[in-house]
C-alpha atoms as a PDB file:
ATOM      1  CA  MET A   1       0.158   0.073   0.084  1.00  0.00           C
ATOM      2  CA  SER A   2       1.612   3.421  -1.109  1.00  0.00           C
ATOM      3  CA  SER A   3       1.122   6.773   0.835  1.00  0.00           C
ATOM      4  CA  SER A   4      -0.765   7.896  -2.191  1.00  0.00           C
ATOM      5  CA  ASP A   5      -3.600   5.458  -1.023  1.00  0.00           C
ATOM      6  CA  THR A   6      -4.413   7.349   2.571  1.00  0.00           C
ATOM      7  CA  THR A   7      -4.202  10.892   1.350  1.00  0.00           C
ATOM      8  CA  GLU A   8      -7.072  12.896  -0.340  1.00  0.00           C
ATOM      9  CA  PRO A   9      -7.237  13.364  -4.104  1.00  0.00           C
ATOM     10  CA  ARG A  10      -5.251  16.353  -5.123  1.00  0.00           C
ATOM     11  CA  GLN A  11      -7.241  19.257  -6.473  1.00  0.00           C
ATOM     12  CA  THR A  12      -6.293  20.481  -9.912  1.00  0.00           C
ATOM     13  CA  PRO A  13      -5.094  24.582 -10.183  1.00  0.00           C
ATOM     14  CA  ALA A  14      -8.462  25.099 -11.557  1.00  0.00           C
ATOM     15  CA  GLU A  15     -10.494  23.398  -8.894  1.00  0.00           C
ATOM     16  CA  ILE A  16      -8.486  25.415  -6.167  1.00  0.00           C
ATOM     17  CA  GLN A  17      -9.082  28.836  -8.014  1.00  0.00           C
ATOM     18  CA  ALA A  18     -12.856  27.915  -8.171  1.00  0.00           C
ATOM     19  CA  GLU A  19     -12.820  27.249  -4.544  1.00  0.00           C
ATOM     20  CA  ILE A  20     -11.186  30.313  -3.785  1.00  0.00           C
ATOM     21  CA  ASP A  21     -13.508  32.410  -5.780  1.00  0.00           C
ATOM     22  CA  ARG A  22     -16.571  30.710  -4.249  1.00  0.00           C
ATOM     23  CA  GLU A  23     -15.145  31.651  -0.855  1.00  0.00           C
ATOM     24  CA  GLN A  24     -14.409  35.018  -1.836  1.00  0.00           C
ATOM     25  CA  ARG A  25     -18.048  35.559  -3.190  1.00  0.00           C
ATOM     26  CA  GLN A  26     -19.556  34.084  -0.002  1.00  0.00           C
ATOM     27  CA  PHE A  27     -17.230  36.678   2.141  1.00  0.00           C
ATOM     28  CA  ALA A  28     -17.978  39.289   0.098  1.00  0.00           C
ATOM     29  CA  GLU A  29     -22.030  38.381   0.777  1.00  0.00           C
ATOM     30  CA  THR A  30     -21.462  38.117   4.608  1.00  0.00           C
ATOM     31  CA  LEU A  31     -19.491  41.437   4.641  1.00  0.00           C
ATOM     32  CA  ASP A  32     -22.406  42.995   2.510  1.00  0.00           C
ATOM     33  CA  ALA A  33     -24.934  41.577   4.871  1.00  0.00           C
ATOM     34  CA  LEU A  34     -22.965  42.712   7.998  1.00  0.00           C
ATOM     35  CA  GLU A  35     -22.718  46.246   6.593  1.00  0.00           C
ATOM     36  CA  GLU A  36     -26.384  46.555   6.032  1.00  0.00           C
ATOM     37  CA  ALA A  37     -27.219  45.168   9.436  1.00  0.00           C
ATOM     38  CA  ALA A  38     -24.728  47.837  10.998  1.00  0.00           C
ATOM     39  CA  ARG A  39     -26.180  50.780   9.220  1.00  0.00           C
ATOM     40  CA  PRO A  40     -27.333  53.175  11.992  1.00  0.00           C
ATOM     41  CA  GLY A  41     -30.769  53.646  10.558  1.00  0.00           C
ATOM     42  CA  ASN A  42     -31.217  49.878  10.243  1.00  0.00           C
ATOM     43  CA  ILE A  43     -30.051  49.516  14.012  1.00  0.00           C
ATOM     44  CA  ALA A  44     -32.628  52.136  14.939  1.00  0.00           C
ATOM     45  CA  ARG A  45     -35.599  50.615  12.941  1.00  0.00           C
ATOM     46  CA  ARG A  46     -34.856  47.104  14.729  1.00  0.00           C
ATOM     47  CA  GLN A  47     -34.709  48.820  18.115  1.00  0.00           C
ATOM     48  CA  ILE A  48     -37.773  50.833  17.389  1.00  0.00           C
ATOM     49  CA  GLY A  49     -39.655  47.750  16.614  1.00  0.00           C
ATOM     50  CA  LYS A  50     -38.446  45.969  19.487  1.00  0.00           C
ATOM     51  CA  ALA A  51     -39.738  48.639  21.762  1.00  0.00           C
ATOM     52  CA  LYS A  52     -42.981  48.790  20.148  1.00  0.00           C
ATOM     53  CA  GLU A  53     -43.501  45.008  20.419  1.00  0.00           C
ATOM     54  CA  ARG A  54     -42.516  45.135  24.169  1.00  0.00           C
ATOM     55  CA  GLY A  55     -44.834  48.072  24.653  1.00  0.00           C
ATOM     56  CA  ALA A  56     -47.634  46.350  22.901  1.00  0.00           C
ATOM     57  CA  ARG A  57     -47.164  43.232  25.556  1.00  0.00           C
ATOM     58  CA  LEU A  58     -47.118  45.522  28.367  1.00  0.00           C
ATOM     59  CA  VAL A  59     -50.326  47.369  27.239  1.00  0.00           C
ATOM     60  CA  ASP A  60     -52.113  43.765  26.718  1.00  0.00           C
ATOM     61  CA  GLU A  61     -50.694  42.739  30.229  1.00  0.00           C
ATOM     62  CA  ALA A  62     -51.965  46.021  31.914  1.00  0.00           C
ATOM     63  CA  ARG A  63     -55.417  45.325  30.049  1.00  0.00           C
ATOM     64  CA  ALA A  64     -55.573  41.824  31.129  1.00  0.00           C
ATOM     65  CA  LEU A  65     -55.094  42.926  34.846  1.00  0.00           C
ATOM     66  CA  VAL A  66     -57.812  45.783  34.755  1.00  0.00           C
ATOM     67  CA  LEU A  67     -60.385  43.610  32.966  1.00  0.00           C
END
């Protein structure tokens, strides 16, 4: 049994380049998504939405106590 029987098959330069290209595209997409999420306006909108949801829950709970 030769040492090549226990190792993974080697990739061609074209396969390696294709993998690098895929990883770079995925990395760029992730960075774009992070950039979008980190925009101050988007952060503010998310926080306002959360505050509205909490406020609505509190109002519902208060109404339930009163009725």
